[in-house]
């Protein structure tokens, strides 16, 4: 089972990603579960409690105490990451 976290402050964007994931699961016959978060703080607290996400989709233009990249850095110790914006790869590295 692939566990996916979606962090975006706009409900419509979270809904779109969930729909894309559902279509992908059906097409590829994969087991996956997506959980959505409206803030970096909400994701970070969930991660601190469970640490179960394999894939993380982040909105990079969110405000709040835990910016999305800060939340990912806190959660992503030992993981590789790739930052994409509008289909362009901007950065890759390891945390």
PDB file of N, CA and C in Angstrom:
ATOM      1  N   UNK A   1       0.840  -1.175   0.000  1.00  0.00           N
ATOM      2  CA  UNK A   1       0.000   0.000   0.000  1.00  0.00           C
ATOM      3  C   UNK A   1       0.886   1.238   0.000  1.00  0.00           C
ATOM      4  N   UNK A   2       0.612   2.131  -0.916  1.00  0.00           N
ATOM      5  CA  UNK A   2       1.321   3.400  -1.034  1.00  0.00           C
ATOM      6  C   UNK A   2       0.522   4.456  -0.287  1.00  0.00           C
ATOM      7  N   UNK A   3       1.145   5.133   0.667  1.00  0.00           N
ATOM      8  CA  UNK A   3       0.486   6.189   1.436  1.00  0.00           C
ATOM      9  C   UNK A   3       0.929   7.543   0.916  1.00  0.00           C
ATOM     10  N   UNK A   4      -0.039   8.361   0.520  1.00  0.00           N
ATOM     11  CA  UNK A   4       0.229   9.635  -0.127  1.00  0.00           C
ATOM     12  C   UNK A   4      -0.346  10.764   0.717  1.00  0.00           C
ATOM     13  N   UNK A   5       0.449  11.811   0.930  1.00  0.00           N
ATOM     14  CA  UNK A   5      -0.020  13.013   1.624  1.00  0.00           C
ATOM     15  C   UNK A   5      -0.074  14.161   0.619  1.00  0.00           C
ATOM     16  N   UNK A   6      -1.169  14.909   0.659  1.00  0.00           N
ATOM     17  CA  UNK A   6      -1.353  16.085  -0.198  1.00  0.00           C
ATOM     18  C   UNK A   6      -1.507  17.289   0.723  1.00  0.00           C
ATOM     19  N   UNK A   7      -0.595  18.266   0.593  1.00  0.00           N
ATOM     20  CA  UNK A   7      -0.618  19.457   1.443  1.00  0.00           C
ATOM     21  C   UNK A   7      -0.846  20.673   0.546  1.00  0.00           C
ATOM     22  N   UNK A   8      -2.018  21.281   0.684  1.00  0.00           N
ATOM     23  CA  UNK A   8      -2.365  22.461  -0.110  1.00  0.00           C
ATOM     24  C   UNK A   8      -3.428  23.240   0.640  1.00  0.00           C
ATOM     25  N   UNK A   9      -3.308  24.554   0.665  1.00  0.00           N
ATOM     26  CA  UNK A   9      -4.279  25.362   1.391  1.00  0.00           C
ATOM     27  C   UNK A   9      -5.568  25.596   0.603  1.00  0.00           C
ATOM     28  N   UNK A  10      -5.612  25.198  -0.647  1.00  0.00           N
ATOM     29  CA  UNK A  10      -6.813  25.381  -1.463  1.00  0.00           C
ATOM     30  C   UNK A  10      -7.496  24.032  -1.687  1.00  0.00           C
ATOM     31  N   UNK A  11      -8.738  23.937  -1.228  1.00  0.00           N
ATOM     32  CA  UNK A  11      -9.507  22.694  -1.316  1.00  0.00           C
ATOM     33  C   UNK A  11      -9.602  22.183  -2.751  1.00  0.00           C
ATOM     34  N   UNK A  12      -9.811  23.086  -3.707  1.00  0.00           N
ATOM     35  CA  UNK A  12      -9.970  22.653  -5.099  1.00  0.00           C
ATOM     36  C   UNK A  12      -8.725  21.929  -5.595  1.00  0.00           C
ATOM     37  N   UNK A  13      -7.554  22.388  -5.202  1.00  0.00           N
ATOM     38  CA  UNK A  13      -6.310  21.737  -5.634  1.00  0.00           C
ATOM     39  C   UNK A  13      -6.146  20.376  -4.966  1.00  0.00           C
ATOM     40  N   UNK A  14      -6.515  20.290  -3.707  1.00  0.00           N
ATOM     41  CA  UNK A  14      -6.468  18.979  -3.029  1.00  0.00           C
ATOM     42  C   UNK A  14      -7.407  18.001  -3.727  1.00  0.00           C
ATOM     43  N   UNK A  15      -8.614  18.473  -4.054  1.00  0.00           N
ATOM     44  CA  UNK A  15      -9.596  17.606  -4.719  1.00  0.00           C
ATOM     45  C   UNK A  15      -9.110  17.129  -6.082  1.00  0.00           C
ATOM     46  N   UNK A  16      -8.461  18.008  -6.836  1.00  0.00           N
ATOM     47  CA  UNK A  16      -7.943  17.640  -8.159  1.00  0.00           C
ATOM     48  C   UNK A  16      -6.890  16.544  -8.030  1.00  0.00           C
ATOM     49  N   UNK A  17      -5.954  16.720  -7.099  1.00  0.00           N
ATOM     50  CA  UNK A  17      -4.911  15.701  -6.914  1.00  0.00           C
ATOM     51  C   UNK A  17      -5.495  14.370  -6.463  1.00  0.00           C
ATOM     52  N   UNK A  18      -6.473  14.407  -5.583  1.00  0.00           N
ATOM     53  CA  UNK A  18      -7.118  13.165  -5.148  1.00  0.00           C
ATOM     54  C   UNK A  18      -7.766  12.475  -6.332  1.00  0.00           C
ATOM     55  N   UNK A  19      -8.429  13.237  -7.189  1.00  0.00           N
ATOM     56  CA  UNK A  19      -9.061  12.655  -8.380  1.00  0.00           C
ATOM     57  C   UNK A  19      -8.011  12.036  -9.310  1.00  0.00           C
ATOM     58  N   UNK A  20      -6.892  12.741  -9.529  1.00  0.00           N
ATOM     59  CA  UNK A  20      -5.814  12.189 -10.367  1.00  0.00           C
ATOM     60  C   UNK A  20      -5.270  10.895  -9.766  1.00  0.00           C
ATOM     61  N   UNK A  21      -5.092  10.865  -8.464  1.00  0.00           N
ATOM     62  CA  UNK A  21      -4.573   9.668  -7.803  1.00  0.00           C
ATOM     63  C   UNK A  21      -5.559   8.519  -7.935  1.00  0.00           C
ATOM     64  N   UNK A  22      -6.852   8.786  -7.759  1.00  0.00           N
ATOM     65  CA  UNK A  22      -7.870   7.748  -7.911  1.00  0.00           C
ATOM     66  C   UNK A  22      -7.866   7.183  -9.339  1.00  0.00           C
ATOM     67  N   UNK A  23      -7.751   8.046 -10.332  1.00  0.00           N
ATOM     68  CA  UNK A  23      -7.684   7.590 -11.726  1.00  0.00           C
ATOM     69  C   UNK A  23      -6.428   6.756 -11.957  1.00  0.00           C
ATOM     70  N   UNK A  24      -5.295   7.182 -11.411  1.00  0.00           N
ATOM     71  CA  UNK A  24      -4.037   6.450 -11.559  1.00  0.00           C
ATOM     72  C   UNK A  24      -4.137   5.074 -10.903  1.00  0.00           C
ATOM     73  N   UNK A  25      -4.715   5.021  -9.692  1.00  0.00           N
ATOM     74  CA  UNK A  25      -4.877   3.742  -9.001  1.00  0.00           C
ATOM     75  C   UNK A  25      -5.691   2.764  -9.836  1.00  0.00           C
ATOM     76  N   UNK A  26      -6.767   3.248 -10.419  1.00  0.00           N
ATOM     77  CA  UNK A  26      -7.621   2.378 -11.225  1.00  0.00           C
ATOM     78  C   UNK A  26      -6.897   1.909 -12.492  1.00  0.00           C
ATOM     79  N   UNK A  27      -6.224   2.842 -13.153  1.00  0.00           N
ATOM     80  CA  UNK A  27      -5.523   2.510 -14.395  1.00  0.00           C
ATOM     81  C   UNK A  27      -4.372   1.537 -14.156  1.00  0.00           C
ATOM     82  N   UNK A  28      -3.602   1.755 -13.087  1.00  0.00           N
ATOM     83  CA  UNK A  28      -2.415   0.946 -12.804  1.00  0.00           C
ATOM     84  C   UNK A  28      -2.698  -0.240 -11.882  1.00  0.00           C
ATOM     85  N   UNK A  29      -3.930  -0.300 -11.389  1.00  0.00           N
ATOM     86  CA  UNK A  29      -4.338  -1.351 -10.436  1.00  0.00           C
ATOM     87  C   UNK A  29      -3.399  -1.390  -9.230  1.00  0.00           C
ATOM     88  N   UNK A  30      -3.202  -0.221  -8.642  1.00  0.00           N
ATOM     89  CA  UNK A  30      -2.324  -0.070  -7.479  1.00  0.00           C
ATOM     90  C   UNK A  30      -3.154   0.168  -6.223  1.00  0.00           C
ATOM     91  N   UNK A  31      -2.602  -0.267  -5.113  1.00  0.00           N
ATOM     92  CA  UNK A  31      -3.209   0.041  -3.821  1.00  0.00           C
ATOM     93  C   UNK A  31      -2.526   1.290  -3.281  1.00  0.00           C
ATOM     94  N   UNK A  32      -3.317   2.331  -3.075  1.00  0.00           N
ATOM     95  CA  UNK A  32      -2.788   3.581  -2.541  1.00  0.00           C
ATOM     96  C   UNK A  32      -3.897   4.299  -1.795  1.00  0.00           C
ATOM     97  N   UNK A  33      -3.483   5.101  -0.820  1.00  0.00           N
ATOM     98  CA  UNK A  33      -4.420   5.891  -0.057  1.00  0.00           C
ATOM     99  C   UNK A  33      -3.875   7.311   0.040  1.00  0.00           C
ATOM    100  N   UNK A  34      -4.711   8.290  -0.292  1.00  0.00           N
ATOM    101  CA  UNK A  34      -4.313   9.688  -0.222  1.00  0.00           C
ATOM    102  C   UNK A  34      -5.000  10.352   0.964  1.00  0.00           C
ATOM    103  N   UNK A  35      -4.217  11.115   1.712  1.00  0.00           N
ATOM    104  CA  UNK A  35      -4.756  11.903   2.814  1.00  0.00           C
ATOM    105  C   UNK A  35      -4.417  13.363   2.543  1.00  0.00           C
ATOM    106  N   UNK A  36      -5.367  14.255   2.772  1.00  0.00           N
ATOM    107  CA  UNK A  36      -5.153  15.663   2.463  1.00  0.00           C
ATOM    108  C   UNK A  36      -4.990  16.487   3.731  1.00  0.00           C
ATOM    109  N   UNK A  37      -4.217  17.575   3.586  1.00  0.00           N
ATOM    110  CA  UNK A  37      -3.961  18.501   4.680  1.00  0.00           C
ATOM    111  C   UNK A  37      -4.061  19.925   4.144  1.00  0.00           C
ATOM    112  N   UNK A  38      -4.713  20.800   4.894  1.00  0.00           N
ATOM    113  CA  UNK A  38      -4.903  22.181   4.469  1.00  0.00           C
ATOM    114  C   UNK A  38      -3.768  23.101   4.916  1.00  0.00           C
ATOM    115  N   UNK A  39      -2.802  22.566   5.663  1.00  0.00           N
ATOM    116  CA  UNK A  39      -1.680  23.390   6.111  1.00  0.00           C
ATOM    117  C   UNK A  39      -0.455  22.525   6.357  1.00  0.00           C
ATOM    118  N   UNK A  40       0.697  23.192   6.345  1.00  0.00           N
ATOM    119  CA  UNK A  40       1.936  22.502   6.677  1.00  0.00           C
ATOM    120  C   UNK A  40       1.926  22.012   8.117  1.00  0.00           C
ATOM    121  N   UNK A  41       1.309  22.799   9.014  1.00  0.00           N
ATOM    122  CA  UNK A  41       1.229  22.397  10.413  1.00  0.00           C
ATOM    123  C   UNK A  41       0.452  21.099  10.570  1.00  0.00           C
ATOM    124  N   UNK A  42      -0.699  21.014   9.906  1.00  0.00           N
ATOM    125  CA  UNK A  42      -1.537  19.807  10.005  1.00  0.00           C
ATOM    126  C   UNK A  42      -0.775  18.579   9.511  1.00  0.00           C
ATOM    127  N   UNK A  43      -0.069  18.729   8.380  1.00  0.00           N
ATOM    128  CA  UNK A  43       0.725  17.609   7.870  1.00  0.00           C
ATOM    129  C   UNK A  43       1.822  17.238   8.862  1.00  0.00           C
ATOM    130  N   UNK A  44       2.541  18.242   9.354  1.00  0.00           N
ATOM    131  CA  UNK A  44       3.672  17.988  10.250  1.00  0.00           C
ATOM    132  C   UNK A  44       3.232  17.240  11.508  1.00  0.00           C
ATOM    133  N   UNK A  45       2.100  17.650  12.089  1.00  0.00           N
ATOM    134  CA  UNK A  45       1.610  16.971  13.286  1.00  0.00           C
ATOM    135  C   UNK A  45       1.205  15.532  12.981  1.00  0.00           C
ATOM    136  N   UNK A  46       0.588  15.313  11.829  1.00  0.00           N
ATOM    137  CA  UNK A  46       0.224  13.942  11.434  1.00  0.00           C
ATOM    138  C   UNK A  46       1.485  13.115  11.219  1.00  0.00           C
ATOM    139  N   UNK A  47       2.491  13.700  10.578  1.00  0.00           N
ATOM    140  CA  UNK A  47       3.741  12.980  10.317  1.00  0.00           C
ATOM    141  C   UNK A  47       4.429  12.618  11.635  1.00  0.00           C
ATOM    142  N   UNK A  48       4.469  13.552  12.567  1.00  0.00           N
ATOM    143  CA  UNK A  48       5.120  13.279  13.854  1.00  0.00           C
ATOM    144  C   UNK A  48       4.428  12.125  14.578  1.00  0.00           C
ATOM    145  N   UNK A  49       3.138  11.963  14.366  1.00  0.00           N
ATOM    146  CA  UNK A  49       2.404  10.895  15.033  1.00  0.00           C
ATOM    147  C   UNK A  49       2.505   9.554  14.349  1.00  0.00           C
ATOM    148  N   UNK A  50       2.620   9.533  12.991  1.00  0.00           N
ATOM    149  CA  UNK A  50       2.537   8.252  12.286  1.00  0.00           C
ATOM    150  C   UNK A  50       3.709   7.940  11.379  1.00  0.00           C
ATOM    151  N   UNK A  51       4.307   8.921  10.761  1.00  0.00           N
ATOM    152  CA  UNK A  51       5.428   8.745   9.835  1.00  0.00           C
ATOM    153  C   UNK A  51       5.159   7.627   8.832  1.00  0.00           C
ATOM    154  N   UNK A  52       4.045   7.729   8.121  1.00  0.00           N
ATOM    155  CA  UNK A  52       3.657   6.627   7.250  1.00  0.00           C
ATOM    156  C   UNK A  52       3.557   6.999   5.782  1.00  0.00           C
ATOM    157  N   UNK A  53       3.930   8.189   5.393  1.00  0.00           N
ATOM    158  CA  UNK A  53       3.731   8.621   4.007  1.00  0.00           C
ATOM    159  C   UNK A  53       4.922   8.264   3.133  1.00  0.00           C
ATOM    160  N   UNK A  54       4.599   7.733   1.942  1.00  0.00           N
ATOM    161  CA  UNK A  54       5.623   7.363   0.973  1.00  0.00           C
ATOM    162  C   UNK A  54       5.824   8.446  -0.077  1.00  0.00           C
ATOM    163  N   UNK A  55       4.751   9.193  -0.372  1.00  0.00           N
ATOM    164  CA  UNK A  55       4.765  10.248  -1.393  1.00  0.00           C
ATOM    165  C   UNK A  55       4.132  11.487  -0.773  1.00  0.00           C
ATOM    166  N   UNK A  56       4.728  12.640  -1.056  1.00  0.00           N
ATOM    167  CA  UNK A  56       4.245  13.895  -0.502  1.00  0.00           C
ATOM    168  C   UNK A  56       4.110  14.925  -1.620  1.00  0.00           C
ATOM    169  N   UNK A  57       2.888  15.430  -1.815  1.00  0.00           N
ATOM    170  CA  UNK A  57       2.634  16.518  -2.751  1.00  0.00           C
ATOM    171  C   UNK A  57       2.474  17.789  -1.934  1.00  0.00           C
ATOM    172  N   UNK A  58       3.305  18.814  -2.215  1.00  0.00           N
ATOM    173  CA  UNK A  58       3.291  20.055  -1.449  1.00  0.00           C
ATOM    174  C   UNK A  58       2.994  21.248  -2.340  1.00  0.00           C
ATOM    175  N   UNK A  59       2.138  22.114  -1.860  1.00  0.00           N
ATOM    176  CA  UNK A  59       1.948  23.429  -2.464  1.00  0.00           C
ATOM    177  C   UNK A  59       3.101  24.288  -1.962  1.00  0.00           C
ATOM    178  N   UNK A  60       3.914  24.826  -2.846  1.00  0.00           N
ATOM    179  CA  UNK A  60       5.092  25.572  -2.403  1.00  0.00           C
ATOM    180  C   UNK A  60       4.790  27.040  -2.131  1.00  0.00           C
ATOM    181  N   UNK A  61       3.538  27.470  -2.318  1.00  0.00           N
ATOM    182  CA  UNK A  61       3.166  28.872  -2.106  1.00  0.00           C
ATOM    183  C   UNK A  61       2.144  28.996  -0.985  1.00  0.00           C
ATOM    184  N   UNK A  62       2.435  28.412   0.162  1.00  0.00           N
ATOM    185  CA  UNK A  62       1.540  28.491   1.311  1.00  0.00           C
ATOM    186  C   UNK A  62       2.201  29.300   2.408  1.00  0.00           C
ATOM    187  N   UNK A  63       1.388  29.913   3.246  1.00  0.00           N
ATOM    188  CA  UNK A  63       1.894  30.642   4.402  1.00  0.00           C
ATOM    189  C   UNK A  63       1.778  29.799   5.654  1.00  0.00           C
ATOM    190  N   UNK A  64       1.991  30.441   6.788  1.00  0.00           N
ATOM    191  CA  UNK A  64       1.857  29.739   8.057  1.00  0.00           C
ATOM    192  C   UNK A  64       3.204  29.509   8.712  1.00  0.00           C
ATOM    193  N   UNK A  65       3.150  29.046   9.933  1.00  0.00           N
ATOM    194  CA  UNK A  65       4.378  28.845  10.695  1.00  0.00           C
ATOM    195  C   UNK A  65       5.272  27.794  10.059  1.00  0.00           C
ATOM    196  N   UNK A  66       4.699  26.694   9.650  1.00  0.00           N
ATOM    197  CA  UNK A  66       5.463  25.648   8.973  1.00  0.00           C
ATOM    198  C   UNK A  66       5.213  25.782   7.482  1.00  0.00           C
ATOM    199  N   UNK A  67       6.086  26.465   6.784  1.00  0.00           N
ATOM    200  CA  UNK A  67       5.977  26.494   5.336  1.00  0.00           C
ATOM    201  C   UNK A  67       6.065  25.057   4.841  1.00  0.00           C
ATOM    202  N   UNK A  68       5.493  24.740   3.678  1.00  0.00           N
ATOM    203  CA  UNK A  68       5.515  23.355   3.196  1.00  0.00           C
ATOM    204  C   UNK A  68       6.903  22.744   3.123  1.00  0.00           C
ATOM    205  N   UNK A  69       7.878  23.487   2.647  1.00  0.00           N
ATOM    206  CA  UNK A  69       9.222  22.911   2.537  1.00  0.00           C
ATOM    207  C   UNK A  69       9.816  22.646   3.912  1.00  0.00           C
ATOM    208  N   UNK A  70       9.515  23.495   4.889  1.00  0.00           N
ATOM    209  CA  UNK A  70       9.976  23.249   6.253  1.00  0.00           C
ATOM    210  C   UNK A  70       9.333  21.985   6.803  1.00  0.00           C
ATOM    211  N   UNK A  71       8.045  21.814   6.530  1.00  0.00           N
ATOM    212  CA  UNK A  71       7.344  20.611   6.988  1.00  0.00           C
ATOM    213  C   UNK A  71       7.964  19.374   6.347  1.00  0.00           C
ATOM    214  N   UNK A  72       8.280  19.454   5.066  1.00  0.00           N
ATOM    215  CA  UNK A  72       8.883  18.313   4.371  1.00  0.00           C
ATOM    216  C   UNK A  72      10.268  18.023   4.912  1.00  0.00           C
ATOM    217  N   UNK A  73      11.034  19.067   5.203  1.00  0.00           N
ATOM    218  CA  UNK A  73      12.368  18.839   5.756  1.00  0.00           C
ATOM    219  C   UNK A  73      12.267  18.152   7.103  1.00  0.00           C
ATOM    220  N   UNK A  74      11.308  18.550   7.919  1.00  0.00           N
ATOM    221  CA  UNK A  74      11.134  17.909   9.214  1.00  0.00           C
ATOM    222  C   UNK A  74      10.713  16.462   9.073  1.00  0.00           C
ATOM    223  N   UNK A  75       9.917  16.182   8.043  1.00  0.00           N
ATOM    224  CA  UNK A  75       9.405  14.830   7.839  1.00  0.00           C
ATOM    225  C   UNK A  75      10.329  13.963   7.013  1.00  0.00           C
ATOM    226  N   UNK A  76      11.156  14.569   6.186  1.00  0.00           N
ATOM    227  CA  UNK A  76      11.858  13.810   5.177  1.00  0.00           C
ATOM    228  C   UNK A  76      13.269  13.385   5.484  1.00  0.00           C
ATOM    229  N   UNK A  77      13.631  13.258   6.715  1.00  0.00           N
ATOM    230  CA  UNK A  77      14.993  12.831   7.037  1.00  0.00           C
ATOM    231  C   UNK A  77      15.285  11.484   6.381  1.00  0.00           C
ATOM    232  N   UNK A  78      16.319  11.460   5.556  1.00  0.00           N
ATOM    233  CA  UNK A  78      16.718  10.221   4.912  1.00  0.00           C
ATOM    234  C   UNK A  78      16.003   9.935   3.610  1.00  0.00           C
ATOM    235  N   UNK A  79      15.239  10.884   3.086  1.00  0.00           N
ATOM    236  CA  UNK A  79      14.508  10.684   1.839  1.00  0.00           C
ATOM    237  C   UNK A  79      15.067  11.570   0.747  1.00  0.00           C
ATOM    238  N   UNK A  80      14.965  11.107  -0.477  1.00  0.00           N
ATOM    239  CA  UNK A  80      15.275  11.949  -1.629  1.00  0.00           C
ATOM    240  C   UNK A  80      14.050  12.782  -1.961  1.00  0.00           C
ATOM    241  N   UNK A  81      14.277  13.958  -2.546  1.00  0.00           N
ATOM    242  CA  UNK A  81      13.143  14.788  -2.928  1.00  0.00           C
ATOM    243  C   UNK A  81      13.392  15.422  -4.290  1.00  0.00           C
ATOM    244  N   UNK A  82      12.305  15.778  -4.935  1.00  0.00           N
ATOM    245  CA  UNK A  82      12.325  16.444  -6.235  1.00  0.00           C
ATOM    246  C   UNK A  82      11.305  17.562  -6.189  1.00  0.00           C
ATOM    247  N   UNK A  83      11.706  18.762  -6.564  1.00  0.00           N
ATOM    248  CA  UNK A  83      10.789  19.893  -6.586  1.00  0.00           C
ATOM    249  C   UNK A  83      10.476  20.215  -8.040  1.00  0.00           C
ATOM    250  N   UNK A  84       9.187  20.185  -8.356  1.00  0.00           N
ATOM    251  CA  UNK A  84       8.721  20.485  -9.708  1.00  0.00           C
ATOM    252  C   UNK A  84       7.770  21.667  -9.636  1.00  0.00           C
ATOM    253  N   UNK A  85       7.812  22.507 -10.643  1.00  0.00           N
ATOM    254  CA  UNK A  85       6.871  23.613 -10.740  1.00  0.00           C
ATOM    255  C   UNK A  85       6.435  23.725 -12.193  1.00  0.00           C
ATOM    256  N   UNK A  86       5.142  23.557 -12.398  1.00  0.00           N
ATOM    257  CA  UNK A  86       4.583  23.639 -13.757  1.00  0.00           C
ATOM    258  C   UNK A  86       5.368  22.773 -14.745  1.00  0.00           C
ATOM    259  N   UNK A  87       5.542  21.531 -14.356  1.00  0.00           N
ATOM    260  CA  UNK A  87       6.188  20.516 -15.190  1.00  0.00           C
ATOM    261  C   UNK A  87       7.674  20.742 -15.405  1.00  0.00           C
ATOM    262  N   UNK A  88       8.307  21.642 -14.660  1.00  0.00           N
ATOM    263  CA  UNK A  88       9.751  21.829 -14.741  1.00  0.00           C
ATOM    264  C   UNK A  88      10.384  21.385 -13.432  1.00  0.00           C
ATOM    265  N   UNK A  89      11.425  20.605 -13.543  1.00  0.00           N
ATOM    266  CA  UNK A  89      12.145  20.171 -12.335  1.00  0.00           C
ATOM    267  C   UNK A  89      13.034  21.309 -11.896  1.00  0.00           C
ATOM    268  N   UNK A  90      12.850  21.763 -10.656  1.00  0.00           N
ATOM    269  CA  UNK A  90      13.610  22.900 -10.151  1.00  0.00           C
ATOM    270  C   UNK A  90      14.781  22.486  -9.272  1.00  0.00           C
ATOM    271  N   UNK A  91      14.620  21.395  -8.538  1.00  0.00           N
ATOM    272  CA  UNK A  91      15.655  21.029  -7.579  1.00  0.00           C
ATOM    273  C   UNK A  91      15.487  19.570  -7.170  1.00  0.00           C
ATOM    274  N   UNK A  92      16.577  18.952  -6.841  1.00  0.00           N
ATOM    275  CA  UNK A  92      16.529  17.582  -6.290  1.00  0.00           C
ATOM    276  C   UNK A  92      17.651  17.481  -5.261  1.00  0.00           C
ATOM    277  N   UNK A  93      17.449  16.599  -4.308  1.00  0.00           N
ATOM    278  CA  UNK A  93      18.474  16.416  -3.297  1.00  0.00           C
ATOM    279  C   UNK A  93      18.039  15.378  -2.292  1.00  0.00           C
ATOM    280  N   UNK A  94      18.690  15.392  -1.166  1.00  0.00           N
ATOM    281  CA  UNK A  94      18.349  14.471  -0.080  1.00  0.00           C
ATOM    282  C   UNK A  94      18.217  15.229   1.213  1.00  0.00           C
ATOM    283  N   UNK A  95      17.377  14.717   2.072  1.00  0.00           N
ATOM    284  CA  UNK A  95      17.163  15.364   3.377  1.00  0.00           C
ATOM    285  C   UNK A  95      17.765  14.490   4.463  1.00  0.00           C
TER     286      UNK A  95
END
